[in-house]
C-alpha atoms as a PDB file:
ATOM      1  CA  MET A   1       0.007  -0.150   0.413  1.00  0.00           C
ATOM      2  CA  GLN A   2       1.611   3.282  -0.978  1.00  0.00           C
ATOM      3  CA  THR A   3       1.489   6.163   0.837  1.00  0.00           C
ATOM      4  CA  ARG A   4       1.195  10.508   0.511  1.00  0.00           C
ATOM      5  CA  SER A   5       1.979  13.053   2.793  1.00  0.00           C
ATOM      6  CA  THR A   6       0.726  16.191   3.756  1.00  0.00           C
ATOM      7  CA  GLN A   7       2.699  19.260   3.759  1.00  0.00           C
ATOM      8  CA  ARG A   8       3.183  19.052   7.797  1.00  0.00           C
ATOM      9  CA  GLY A   9       4.072  15.306   7.231  1.00  0.00           C
ATOM     10  CA  LEU A  10       1.338  13.392   8.271  1.00  0.00           C
ATOM     11  CA  GLU A  11       1.224  10.200   5.888  1.00  0.00           C
ATOM     12  CA  LEU A  12      -1.649   8.663   4.691  1.00  0.00           C
ATOM     13  CA  THR A  13      -2.247   5.156   2.745  1.00  0.00           C
ATOM     14  CA  GLU A  14      -3.637   5.837  -0.809  1.00  0.00           C
ATOM     15  CA  ILE A  15      -6.464   3.945   0.306  1.00  0.00           C
ATOM     16  CA  GLY A  16      -8.296   4.450   3.719  1.00  0.00           C
ATOM     17  CA  LEU A  17     -11.363   2.806   4.970  1.00  0.00           C
ATOM     18  CA  GLY A  18     -14.545   4.776   5.486  1.00  0.00           C
ATOM     19  CA  ALA A  19     -16.264   3.698   8.688  1.00  0.00           C
ATOM     20  CA  ALA A  20     -19.827   4.954   8.094  1.00  0.00           C
ATOM     21  CA  GLN A  21     -20.829   1.197   7.735  1.00  0.00           C
ATOM     22  CA  LEU A  22     -19.386   0.711  11.347  1.00  0.00           C
ATOM     23  CA  GLY A  23     -22.147   2.529  12.479  1.00  0.00           C
ATOM     24  CA  ASN A  24     -25.008   0.649  10.772  1.00  0.00           C
ATOM     25  CA  LEU A  25     -25.609   2.795   7.503  1.00  0.00           C
ATOM     26  CA  TYR A  26     -28.894   1.709   5.944  1.00  0.00           C
ATOM     27  CA  ARG A  27     -28.896  -1.622   7.753  1.00  0.00           C
ATOM     28  CA  GLU A  28     -27.284  -3.346  10.897  1.00  0.00           C
ATOM     29  CA  THR A  29     -23.505  -4.231  10.333  1.00  0.00           C
ATOM     30  CA  THR A  30     -22.651  -7.308  12.725  1.00  0.00           C
ATOM     31  CA  ASP A  31     -19.957  -7.366  15.145  1.00  0.00           C
ATOM     32  CA  ALA A  32     -18.212 -10.121  13.176  1.00  0.00           C
ATOM     33  CA  GLU A  33     -18.311  -7.981   9.746  1.00  0.00           C
ATOM     34  CA  VAL A  34     -17.075  -4.924  11.787  1.00  0.00           C
ATOM     35  CA  GLU A  35     -13.789  -7.226  13.221  1.00  0.00           C
ATOM     36  CA  GLU A  36     -13.555  -8.886   9.706  1.00  0.00           C
ATOM     37  CA  GLY A  37     -13.816  -6.004   7.745  1.00  0.00           C
ATOM     38  CA  VAL A  38     -11.530  -3.970  10.116  1.00  0.00           C
ATOM     39  CA  ALA A  39      -8.809  -7.015  10.019  1.00  0.00           C
ATOM     40  CA  ALA A  40      -9.194  -7.134   5.987  1.00  0.00           C
ATOM     41  CA  ALA A  41      -7.969  -3.250   5.760  1.00  0.00           C
ATOM     42  CA  TRP A  42      -5.282  -3.781   8.024  1.00  0.00           C
ATOM     43  CA  ASP A  43      -3.949  -6.847   6.564  1.00  0.00           C
ATOM     44  CA  ALA A  44      -3.808  -5.553   3.037  1.00  0.00           C
ATOM     45  CA  GLY A  45      -1.864  -2.245   4.505  1.00  0.00           C
ATOM     46  CA  VAL A  46      -4.710   0.323   5.156  1.00  0.00           C
ATOM     47  CA  ARG A  47      -3.325   2.439   7.801  1.00  0.00           C
ATOM     48  CA  TYR A  48      -5.648   5.562   7.421  1.00  0.00           C
ATOM     49  CA  PHE A  49      -9.573   5.222   8.981  1.00  0.00           C
ATOM     50  CA  ASP A  50     -12.218   7.536   8.818  1.00  0.00           C
ATOM     51  CA  THR A  51     -15.214   7.859  11.224  1.00  0.00           C
ATOM     52  CA  ALA A  52     -17.641  10.472  12.704  1.00  0.00           C
ATOM     53  CA  PRO A  53     -20.038  10.968  15.836  1.00  0.00           C
ATOM     54  CA  HIS A  54     -22.659  11.174  12.990  1.00  0.00           C
ATOM     55  CA  TYR A  55     -22.546   7.556  11.994  1.00  0.00           C
ATOM     56  CA  GLY A  56     -24.357   5.500  13.933  1.00  0.00           C
ATOM     57  CA  LEU A  57     -24.630   8.250  16.871  1.00  0.00           C
ATOM     58  CA  GLY A  58     -21.274   7.413  17.779  1.00  0.00           C
ATOM     59  CA  LEU A  59     -21.532   3.535  17.245  1.00  0.00           C
ATOM     60  CA  SER A  60     -18.827   3.953  14.200  1.00  0.00           C
ATOM     61  CA  GLU A  61     -16.139   5.933  16.537  1.00  0.00           C
ATOM     62  CA  ARG A  62     -16.763   2.891  19.389  1.00  0.00           C
ATOM     63  CA  ARG A  63     -16.455   0.208  17.169  1.00  0.00           C
ATOM     64  CA  LEU A  64     -13.561   1.757  15.167  1.00  0.00           C
ATOM     65  CA  GLY A  65     -12.124   2.593  18.414  1.00  0.00           C
ATOM     66  CA  GLU A  66     -12.497  -1.175  19.663  1.00  0.00           C
ATOM     67  CA  GLN A  67     -10.949  -2.606  16.810  1.00  0.00           C
ATOM     68  CA  LEU A  68      -8.008  -0.627  16.454  1.00  0.00           C
ATOM     69  CA  ARG A  69      -6.973  -0.945  20.103  1.00  0.00           C
ATOM     70  CA  THR A  70      -4.843  -3.625  19.272  1.00  0.00           C
ATOM     71  CA  HIS A  71      -2.637  -2.321  17.199  1.00  0.00           C
ATOM     72  CA  PRO A  72       0.341   0.517  17.649  1.00  0.00           C
ATOM     73  CA  ARG A  73      -0.828   3.719  17.948  1.00  0.00           C
ATOM     74  CA  GLU A  74       2.045   5.200  15.984  1.00  0.00           C
ATOM     75  CA  GLU A  75       1.199   2.798  13.122  1.00  0.00           C
ATOM     76  CA  TYR A  76      -2.158   3.951  12.022  1.00  0.00           C
ATOM     77  CA  VAL A  77      -4.130   7.324  11.099  1.00  0.00           C
ATOM     78  CA  ILE A  78      -7.586   7.929  12.131  1.00  0.00           C
ATOM     79  CA  SER A  79      -9.619  10.830  11.665  1.00  0.00           C
ATOM     80  CA  SER A  80     -13.113  12.088  13.015  1.00  0.00           C
ATOM     81  CA  LYS A  81     -15.384  15.069  12.963  1.00  0.00           C
ATOM     82  CA  VAL A  82     -16.919  17.980  14.688  1.00  0.00           C
ATOM     83  CA  GLY A  83     -20.105  20.059  14.301  1.00  0.00           C
ATOM     84  CA  LYS A  84     -22.474  17.599  15.160  1.00  0.00           C
ATOM     85  CA  LEU A  85     -22.757  16.774  18.884  1.00  0.00           C
ATOM     86  CA  LEU A  86     -24.519  14.100  20.472  1.00  0.00           C
ATOM     87  CA  VAL A  87     -27.106  15.269  22.831  1.00  0.00           C
ATOM     88  CA  PRO A  88     -29.459  13.224  25.014  1.00  0.00           C
ATOM     89  CA  ASN A  89     -32.847  12.590  23.230  1.00  0.00           C
ATOM     90  CA  PRO A  90     -35.378  11.409  25.654  1.00  0.00           C
ATOM     91  CA  GLY A  91     -38.025   8.686  24.481  1.00  0.00           C
ATOM     92  CA  GLY A  92     -35.798   8.268  21.486  1.00  0.00           C
ATOM     93  CA  GLU A  93     -34.890   4.185  22.855  1.00  0.00           C
ATOM     94  CA  ASP A  94     -38.026   3.591  21.291  1.00  0.00           C
ATOM     95  CA  ARG A  95     -37.707   5.173  18.099  1.00  0.00           C
ATOM     96  CA  MET A  96     -34.663   4.598  14.945  1.00  0.00           C
ATOM     97  CA  ASP A  97     -32.198   7.248  14.038  1.00  0.00           C
ATOM     98  CA  ASP A  98     -34.001   9.070  11.395  1.00  0.00           C
ATOM     99  CA  GLN A  99     -30.912  10.104   9.398  1.00  0.00           C
ATOM    100  CA  GLY A 100     -29.898   6.710   7.738  1.00  0.00           C
ATOM    101  CA  PHE A 101     -28.653   4.547  10.475  1.00  0.00           C
ATOM    102  CA  ALA A 102     -29.966   1.667  12.029  1.00  0.00           C
ATOM    103  CA  VAL A 103     -29.738   2.268  15.478  1.00  0.00           C
ATOM    104  CA  PRO A 104     -31.895   3.646  18.085  1.00  0.00           C
ATOM    105  CA  ALA A 105     -32.402   7.312  18.557  1.00  0.00           C
ATOM    106  CA  VAL A 106     -31.071   7.766  21.948  1.00  0.00           C
ATOM    107  CA  THR A 107     -29.147  10.600  21.336  1.00  0.00           C
ATOM    108  CA  LYS A 108     -29.707  13.010  18.816  1.00  0.00           C
ATOM    109  CA  ARG A 109     -27.318  15.368  16.250  1.00  0.00           C
ATOM    110  CA  GLN A 110     -26.976  18.910  17.517  1.00  0.00           C
ATOM    111  CA  TRP A 111     -25.297  21.416  14.859  1.00  0.00           C
ATOM    112  CA  ASP A 112     -22.653  23.299  16.881  1.00  0.00           C
ATOM    113  CA  PHE A 113     -19.378  25.081  15.142  1.00  0.00           C
ATOM    114  CA  SER A 114     -18.706  27.143  18.284  1.00  0.00           C
ATOM    115  CA  ARG A 115     -15.120  26.773  20.312  1.00  0.00           C
ATOM    116  CA  ASP A 116     -16.834  25.207  23.079  1.00  0.00           C
ATOM    117  CA  GLY A 117     -18.998  23.041  21.151  1.00  0.00           C
ATOM    118  CA  ILE A 118     -15.922  21.500  19.270  1.00  0.00           C
ATOM    119  CA  MET A 119     -13.881  21.152  22.340  1.00  0.00           C
ATOM    120  CA  ARG A 120     -16.661  18.793  23.494  1.00  0.00           C
ATOM    121  CA  SER A 121     -17.285  17.190  20.345  1.00  0.00           C
ATOM    122  CA  VAL A 122     -13.573  16.127  20.630  1.00  0.00           C
ATOM    123  CA  GLU A 123     -13.716  15.193  24.286  1.00  0.00           C
ATOM    124  CA  ALA A 124     -16.650  12.708  23.407  1.00  0.00           C
ATOM    125  CA  SER A 125     -14.819  11.293  20.302  1.00  0.00           C
ATOM    126  CA  LEU A 126     -11.702  10.496  22.415  1.00  0.00           C
ATOM    127  CA  ALA A 127     -14.002   8.965  24.922  1.00  0.00           C
ATOM    128  CA  ARG A 128     -15.962   7.040  22.583  1.00  0.00           C
ATOM    129  CA  THR A 129     -12.515   5.484  20.843  1.00  0.00           C
ATOM    130  CA  GLY A 130     -10.711   4.758  23.978  1.00  0.00           C
ATOM    131  CA  LEU A 131      -8.256   7.086  22.083  1.00  0.00           C
ATOM    132  CA  ASP A 132      -5.196   9.463  23.771  1.00  0.00           C
ATOM    133  CA  TYR A 133      -5.350  11.520  20.531  1.00  0.00           C
ATOM    134  CA  LEU A 134      -6.869  11.800  17.153  1.00  0.00           C
ATOM    135  CA  ASP A 135      -4.994  12.694  14.147  1.00  0.00           C
ATOM    136  CA  VAL A 136      -6.910  14.580  12.144  1.00  0.00           C
ATOM    137  CA  LEU A 137     -10.296  16.596  12.918  1.00  0.00           C
ATOM    138  CA  TYR A 138     -12.613  17.648  10.113  1.00  0.00           C
ATOM    139  CA  LEU A 139     -15.459  20.208  10.063  1.00  0.00           C
ATOM    140  CA  HIS A 140     -18.680  17.967   9.243  1.00  0.00           C
ATOM    141  CA  ASP A 141     -20.913  19.516   6.549  1.00  0.00           C
ATOM    142  CA  PRO A 142     -20.740  22.982   7.417  1.00  0.00           C
ATOM    143  CA  ASP A 143     -22.249  24.436   4.296  1.00  0.00           C
ATOM    144  CA  ASP A 144     -25.349  25.831   6.540  1.00  0.00           C
ATOM    145  CA  HIS A 145     -23.227  27.438   9.080  1.00  0.00           C
ATOM    146  CA  PHE A 146     -20.162  28.343   6.968  1.00  0.00           C
ATOM    147  CA  GLU A 147     -19.470  31.656   8.427  1.00  0.00           C
ATOM    148  CA  GLN A 148     -19.189  30.674  12.041  1.00  0.00           C
ATOM    149  CA  ALA A 149     -17.346  27.216  10.954  1.00  0.00           C
ATOM    150  CA  SER A 150     -14.890  28.878   8.703  1.00  0.00           C
ATOM    151  CA  THR A 151     -14.272  31.211  11.286  1.00  0.00           C
ATOM    152  CA  GLU A 152     -14.503  30.360  14.966  1.00  0.00           C
ATOM    153  CA  GLY A 153     -14.623  26.511  13.960  1.00  0.00           C
ATOM    154  CA  ILE A 154     -11.613  26.220  12.086  1.00  0.00           C
ATOM    155  CA  GLY A 155      -9.955  28.400  14.703  1.00  0.00           C
ATOM    156  CA  ALA A 156     -10.843  25.934  17.607  1.00  0.00           C
ATOM    157  CA  LEU A 157      -9.381  23.237  15.660  1.00  0.00           C
ATOM    158  CA  ILE A 158      -6.037  24.964  14.530  1.00  0.00           C
ATOM    159  CA  GLU A 159      -5.553  25.606  18.441  1.00  0.00           C
ATOM    160  CA  LEU A 160      -6.099  22.058  19.088  1.00  0.00           C
ATOM    161  CA  ARG A 161      -3.545  21.395  16.384  1.00  0.00           C
ATOM    162  CA  GLU A 162      -1.099  24.209  17.736  1.00  0.00           C
ATOM    163  CA  GLN A 163      -1.435  21.733  21.481  1.00  0.00           C
ATOM    164  CA  GLY A 164      -1.034  18.930  19.949  1.00  0.00           C
ATOM    165  CA  VAL A 165      -3.872  17.275  20.324  1.00  0.00           C
ATOM    166  CA  VAL A 166      -4.570  16.656  16.705  1.00  0.00           C
ATOM    167  CA  LYS A 167      -2.267  16.843  13.268  1.00  0.00           C
ATOM    168  CA  ALA A 168      -3.918  17.931  10.936  1.00  0.00           C
ATOM    169  CA  VAL A 169      -7.490  19.612  10.408  1.00  0.00           C
ATOM    170  CA  GLY A 170      -9.591  20.529   7.950  1.00  0.00           C
ATOM    171  CA  ALA A 171     -13.361  20.057   6.594  1.00  0.00           C
ATOM    172  CA  GLY A 172     -15.278  17.503   5.033  1.00  0.00           C
ATOM    173  CA  MET A 173     -18.442  18.246   2.470  1.00  0.00           C
ATOM    174  CA  ASN A 174     -20.080  17.369  -0.341  1.00  0.00           C
ATOM    175  CA  ALA A 175     -19.552  20.696  -1.846  1.00  0.00           C
ATOM    176  CA  ALA A 176     -16.241  21.994  -3.569  1.00  0.00           C
ATOM    177  CA  ALA A 177     -16.605  25.536  -3.643  1.00  0.00           C
ATOM    178  CA  PRO A 178     -17.001  26.201  -0.104  1.00  0.00           C
ATOM    179  CA  LEU A 179     -14.002  23.827   0.715  1.00  0.00           C
ATOM    180  CA  ALA A 180     -11.866  26.057  -1.925  1.00  0.00           C
ATOM    181  CA  GLU A 181     -13.071  29.461   0.327  1.00  0.00           C
ATOM    182  CA  LEU A 182     -11.994  27.676   3.395  1.00  0.00           C
ATOM    183  CA  ILE A 183      -8.377  26.833   2.045  1.00  0.00           C
ATOM    184  CA  ARG A 184      -8.239  30.394   1.192  1.00  0.00           C
ATOM    185  CA  ARG A 185      -9.536  31.671   4.655  1.00  0.00           C
ATOM    186  CA  ALA A 186      -7.601  29.274   7.036  1.00  0.00           C
ATOM    187  CA  ASP A 187      -4.320  27.457   7.339  1.00  0.00           C
ATOM    188  CA  VAL A 188      -5.857  23.749   7.075  1.00  0.00           C
ATOM    189  CA  ASP A 189      -3.923  20.507   6.091  1.00  0.00           C
ATOM    190  CA  LEU A 190      -6.272  18.493   4.551  1.00  0.00           C
ATOM    191  CA  VAL A 191     -10.248  18.585   3.277  1.00  0.00           C
ATOM    192  CA  MET A 192     -12.411  15.903   2.628  1.00  0.00           C
ATOM    193  CA  CYS A 193     -14.077  16.294  -0.956  1.00  0.00           C
ATOM    194  CA  ALA A 194     -17.347  13.584  -1.183  1.00  0.00           C
ATOM    195  CA  GLY A 195     -18.470  12.873  -4.635  1.00  0.00           C
ATOM    196  CA  ARG A 196     -17.284  16.144  -6.344  1.00  0.00           C
ATOM    197  CA  PHE A 197     -14.218  14.731  -7.978  1.00  0.00           C
ATOM    198  CA  THR A 198     -14.967  11.290  -9.590  1.00  0.00           C
ATOM    199  CA  LEU A 199     -14.801  10.390 -13.311  1.00  0.00           C
ATOM    200  CA  ILE A 200     -18.284  11.757 -13.868  1.00  0.00           C
ATOM    201  CA  ASP A 201     -18.582  14.772 -11.510  1.00  0.00           C
ATOM    202  CA  ASP A 202     -15.329  17.194 -11.914  1.00  0.00           C
ATOM    203  CA  GLU A 203     -17.177  20.020 -10.185  1.00  0.00           C
ATOM    204  CA  ALA A 204     -14.111  20.163  -7.633  1.00  0.00           C
ATOM    205  CA  LEU A 205     -11.196  20.557 -10.963  1.00  0.00           C
ATOM    206  CA  ALA A 206     -12.528  24.220 -11.498  1.00  0.00           C
ATOM    207  CA  ASP A 207     -11.435  25.915  -8.506  1.00  0.00           C
ATOM    208  CA  LEU A 208     -10.665  23.101  -5.253  1.00  0.00           C
ATOM    209  CA  LEU A 209      -8.218  21.219  -6.801  1.00  0.00           C
ATOM    210  CA  PRO A 210      -5.950  24.116  -8.208  1.00  0.00           C
ATOM    211  CA  THR A 211      -6.362  26.257  -5.070  1.00  0.00           C
ATOM    212  CA  ALA A 212      -5.543  22.951  -2.617  1.00  0.00           C
ATOM    213  CA  LEU A 213      -2.580  22.378  -5.051  1.00  0.00           C
ATOM    214  CA  GLU A 214      -1.178  26.259  -5.043  1.00  0.00           C
ATOM    215  CA  ARG A 215      -1.896  25.909  -0.843  1.00  0.00           C
ATOM    216  CA  LYS A 216      -0.446  22.812  -0.584  1.00  0.00           C
ATOM    217  CA  VAL A 217      -3.348  21.296   0.783  1.00  0.00           C
ATOM    218  CA  GLY A 218      -4.345  17.917   0.513  1.00  0.00           C
ATOM    219  CA  ILE A 219      -7.365  16.172  -0.855  1.00  0.00           C
ATOM    220  CA  VAL A 220      -9.191  13.258   0.581  1.00  0.00           C
ATOM    221  CA  VAL A 221     -11.495  12.095  -1.827  1.00  0.00           C
ATOM    222  CA  ALA A 222     -14.706  10.217  -0.623  1.00  0.00           C
ATOM    223  CA  GLY A 223     -17.705   9.104  -2.594  1.00  0.00           C
ATOM    224  CA  VAL A 224     -15.762   7.703  -5.513  1.00  0.00           C
ATOM    225  CA  TYR A 225     -18.393   5.536  -6.855  1.00  0.00           C
ATOM    226  CA  ASN A 226     -20.880   8.462  -6.424  1.00  0.00           C
ATOM    227  CA  SER A 227     -23.212   6.828  -4.137  1.00  0.00           C
ATOM    228  CA  GLY A 228     -23.022   3.406  -6.308  1.00  0.00           C
ATOM    229  CA  LEU A 229     -23.322   4.336  -9.696  1.00  0.00           C
ATOM    230  CA  LEU A 230     -19.308   3.714 -10.649  1.00  0.00           C
ATOM    231  CA  GLY A 231     -19.428   0.807  -8.098  1.00  0.00           C
ATOM    232  CA  ARG A 232     -20.316  -1.894 -10.490  1.00  0.00           C
ATOM    233  CA  ASN A 233     -18.318  -2.766 -13.717  1.00  0.00           C
ATOM    234  CA  ARG A 234     -21.620  -1.745 -15.931  1.00  0.00           C
ATOM    235  CA  PRO A 235     -24.037   0.978 -14.538  1.00  0.00           C
ATOM    236  CA  SER A 236     -27.056   0.307 -13.551  1.00  0.00           C
ATOM    237  CA  PRO A 237     -30.223   1.851 -14.994  1.00  0.00           C
ATOM    238  CA  ASP A 238     -31.876   2.217 -11.592  1.00  0.00           C
ATOM    239  CA  ALA A 239     -28.769   3.009  -9.622  1.00  0.00           C
ATOM    240  CA  THR A 240     -28.457   6.292  -7.744  1.00  0.00           C
ATOM    241  CA  PHE A 241     -26.091   9.418  -8.411  1.00  0.00           C
ATOM    242  CA  ASP A 242     -25.830  11.555  -5.033  1.00  0.00           C
ATOM    243  CA  TYR A 243     -28.408   9.313  -3.534  1.00  0.00           C
ATOM    244  CA  GLU A 244     -31.046  10.167  -6.132  1.00  0.00           C
ATOM    245  CA  PRO A 245     -31.849   8.486  -9.335  1.00  0.00           C
ATOM    246  CA  VAL A 246     -29.413   8.907 -12.074  1.00  0.00           C
ATOM    247  CA  PRO A 247     -30.213  11.715 -14.613  1.00  0.00           C
ATOM    248  CA  PRO A 248     -29.930  10.030 -17.963  1.00  0.00           C
ATOM    249  CA  ALA A 249     -27.147  12.432 -19.384  1.00  0.00           C
ATOM    250  CA  ILE A 250     -24.976  11.260 -16.337  1.00  0.00           C
ATOM    251  CA  LEU A 251     -26.015   7.266 -17.108  1.00  0.00           C
ATOM    252  CA  GLU A 252     -24.887   7.865 -20.728  1.00  0.00           C
ATOM    253  CA  ARG A 253     -21.583   9.400 -19.228  1.00  0.00           C
ATOM    254  CA  ALA A 254     -20.891   6.236 -16.890  1.00  0.00           C
ATOM    255  CA  ASN A 255     -21.935   3.924 -19.929  1.00  0.00           C
ATOM    256  CA  ARG A 256     -19.206   5.697 -22.453  1.00  0.00           C
ATOM    257  CA  VAL A 257     -16.827   5.197 -19.250  1.00  0.00           C
ATOM    258  CA  ALA A 258     -17.807   1.836 -18.838  1.00  0.00           C
ATOM    259  CA  ASP A 259     -17.457   0.727 -22.301  1.00  0.00           C
ATOM    260  CA  ALA A 260     -13.925   2.361 -22.802  1.00  0.00           C
ATOM    261  CA  CYS A 261     -12.706   0.508 -19.528  1.00  0.00           C
ATOM    262  CA  GLU A 262     -13.964  -2.778 -21.071  1.00  0.00           C
ATOM    263  CA  ALA A 263     -12.052  -2.163 -24.503  1.00  0.00           C
ATOM    264  CA  HIS A 264      -9.146  -1.961 -22.141  1.00  0.00           C
ATOM    265  CA  GLY A 265      -9.643  -5.020 -19.973  1.00  0.00           C
ATOM    266  CA  VAL A 266     -10.281  -3.144 -16.955  1.00  0.00           C
ATOM    267  CA  THR A 267     -13.465  -2.381 -14.811  1.00  0.00           C
ATOM    268  CA  LEU A 268     -15.296   0.839 -13.907  1.00  0.00           C
ATOM    269  CA  PRO A 269     -14.728   0.659 -10.029  1.00  0.00           C
ATOM    270  CA  GLU A 270     -10.921   0.181 -10.816  1.00  0.00           C
ATOM    271  CA  ALA A 271     -10.776   3.248 -12.870  1.00  0.00           C
ATOM    272  CA  ALA A 272     -12.992   5.057 -10.558  1.00  0.00           C
ATOM    273  CA  ILE A 273     -10.431   4.903  -7.792  1.00  0.00           C
ATOM    274  CA  ALA A 274      -7.215   5.184 -10.028  1.00  0.00           C
ATOM    275  CA  TYR A 275      -8.645   8.315 -11.871  1.00  0.00           C
ATOM    276  CA  VAL A 276      -8.645  10.598  -8.781  1.00  0.00           C
ATOM    277  CA  LEU A 277      -5.288   9.075  -7.329  1.00  0.00           C
ATOM    278  CA  ARG A 278      -3.694  10.760 -10.757  1.00  0.00           C
ATOM    279  CA  HIS A 279      -4.335  14.201  -9.421  1.00  0.00           C
ATOM    280  CA  PRO A 280      -1.249  15.614  -7.689  1.00  0.00           C
ATOM    281  CA  ALA A 281      -3.099  17.217  -5.105  1.00  0.00           C
ATOM    282  CA  VAL A 282      -5.130  13.908  -3.462  1.00  0.00           C
ATOM    283  CA  VAL A 283      -3.372  12.156  -0.663  1.00  0.00           C
ATOM    284  CA  SER A 284      -6.050   9.439  -0.006  1.00  0.00           C
ATOM    285  CA  VAL A 285      -9.018   7.894  -1.579  1.00  0.00           C
ATOM    286  CA  VAL A 286     -11.548   6.917   1.380  1.00  0.00           C
ATOM    287  CA  VAL A 287     -13.927   4.136   0.352  1.00  0.00           C
ATOM    288  CA  GLY A 288     -16.442   2.525   2.895  1.00  0.00           C
ATOM    289  CA  ALA A 289     -16.893  -1.045   3.086  1.00  0.00           C
ATOM    290  CA  ARG A 290     -18.876  -3.550   5.235  1.00  0.00           C
ATOM    291  CA  GLY A 291     -16.967  -6.551   6.072  1.00  0.00           C
ATOM    292  CA  GLY A 292     -14.132  -8.113   4.800  1.00  0.00           C
ATOM    293  CA  ASP A 293     -15.602  -8.903   1.065  1.00  0.00           C
ATOM    294  CA  GLN A 294     -16.294  -5.578   0.329  1.00  0.00           C
ATOM    295  CA  VAL A 295     -12.907  -4.513   1.685  1.00  0.00           C
ATOM    296  CA  ARG A 296     -10.981  -6.873  -0.357  1.00  0.00           C
ATOM    297  CA  SER A 297     -12.801  -6.187  -3.358  1.00  0.00           C
ATOM    298  CA  ASN A 298     -11.892  -2.500  -2.933  1.00  0.00           C
ATOM    299  CA  ILE A 299      -8.221  -3.182  -2.316  1.00  0.00           C
ATOM    300  CA  GLU A 300      -8.331  -5.384  -5.824  1.00  0.00           C
ATOM    301  CA  ARG A 301      -9.729  -2.598  -7.362  1.00  0.00           C
ATOM    302  CA  TYR A 302      -7.008  -0.320  -5.891  1.00  0.00           C
ATOM    303  CA  ARG A 303      -4.231  -2.368  -7.057  1.00  0.00           C
ATOM    304  CA  ALA A 304      -5.517  -3.026 -10.726  1.00  0.00           C
ATOM    305  CA  ALA A 305      -3.011  -1.773 -13.368  1.00  0.00           C
ATOM    306  CA  MET A 306      -4.527   0.898 -15.409  1.00  0.00           C
ATOM    307  CA  PRO A 307      -3.201   1.833 -19.042  1.00  0.00           C
ATOM    308  CA  GLU A 308      -2.401   4.861 -19.767  1.00  0.00           C
ATOM    309  CA  ARG A 309      -4.173   4.758 -23.186  1.00  0.00           C
ATOM    310  CA  LEU A 310      -7.593   4.876 -21.453  1.00  0.00           C
ATOM    311  CA  TRP A 311      -7.374   7.966 -19.934  1.00  0.00           C
ATOM    312  CA  VAL A 312      -5.699   9.533 -23.339  1.00  0.00           C
ATOM    313  CA  GLU A 313      -9.035   8.195 -25.284  1.00  0.00           C
ATOM    314  CA  LEU A 314     -11.307   9.224 -22.679  1.00  0.00           C
ATOM    315  CA  GLU A 315     -10.000  12.894 -22.446  1.00  0.00           C
ATOM    316  CA  ALA A 316      -9.586  12.986 -25.973  1.00  0.00           C
ATOM    317  CA  ALA A 317     -13.351  11.960 -26.407  1.00  0.00           C
ATOM    318  CA  GLY A 318     -14.443  14.646 -23.919  1.00  0.00           C
ATOM    319  CA  VAL A 319     -15.924  11.603 -21.414  1.00  0.00           C
ATOM    320  CA  ILE A 320     -13.329  12.990 -18.812  1.00  0.00           C
ATOM    321  CA  ALA A 321     -11.411  16.192 -17.689  1.00  0.00           C
ATOM    322  CA  ALA A 322      -8.088  16.179 -18.340  1.00  0.00           C
ATOM    323  CA  LEU A 323      -5.963  16.287 -15.473  1.00  0.00           C
END
């Protein structure tokens, strides 16, 4: 497993394990699947793991911390997020979470990008993971709270970095433009861009990636399969794009990429991972997985050899943007 480094020297493996499924995303993930998935990632050389309080109302953090506790702390990097405090939700034990996770709603999320809220969030994340420190902290989806998050919020994270509580700070979002603006405003190390830099969505190329490269800020790419559309060798007409039914033009573009991949003896998911890793600003691709088989499948995709001719043909046809 190859690694890439941030400007301040934090080393990330090119593939990271996204731990939303450890929080029972959409359906229950068994304890056996959790153990097998993290073990398979570790055995494959993955040393970057991403979680958040949002994922399963803290369940992902607890499970990931438990699995990593048996490994030397200096050998892996773990990131979590701030901005969504978990607060008591009286009566919630009789209901399920309403934001996509199969867990009882015993707590609820409360937006808070204040300095105090961030400090409380970090303290709670450390308690749930059982770790002494976190390597990376991201502002989590601050779209509707950007002004506070990009000033007081990121200031609190930089303060924690200066104190040595965390090694790298930034934000994770599904929109590219605010991430670029945050890079211009603050001394961040990393940003996690979800879904906006993929084979069929190159929004991040307009501003975010050039700005990150100029400011020496690392890009962690998430959502590389665009919520499933690029996760199969051949896109399905009933697939989703950004968690919605795929628009016909997007489906047509994905099929053109799949055609080219087949002609060159590779698969669409393999190309989805390889494409984003070609950009010099990208330091890691975080891919979610449930259980050992899905983890191993993603690793095999990452290791597939990509013919340079594939990119030349796709760029010449205007199907993908030139990097």
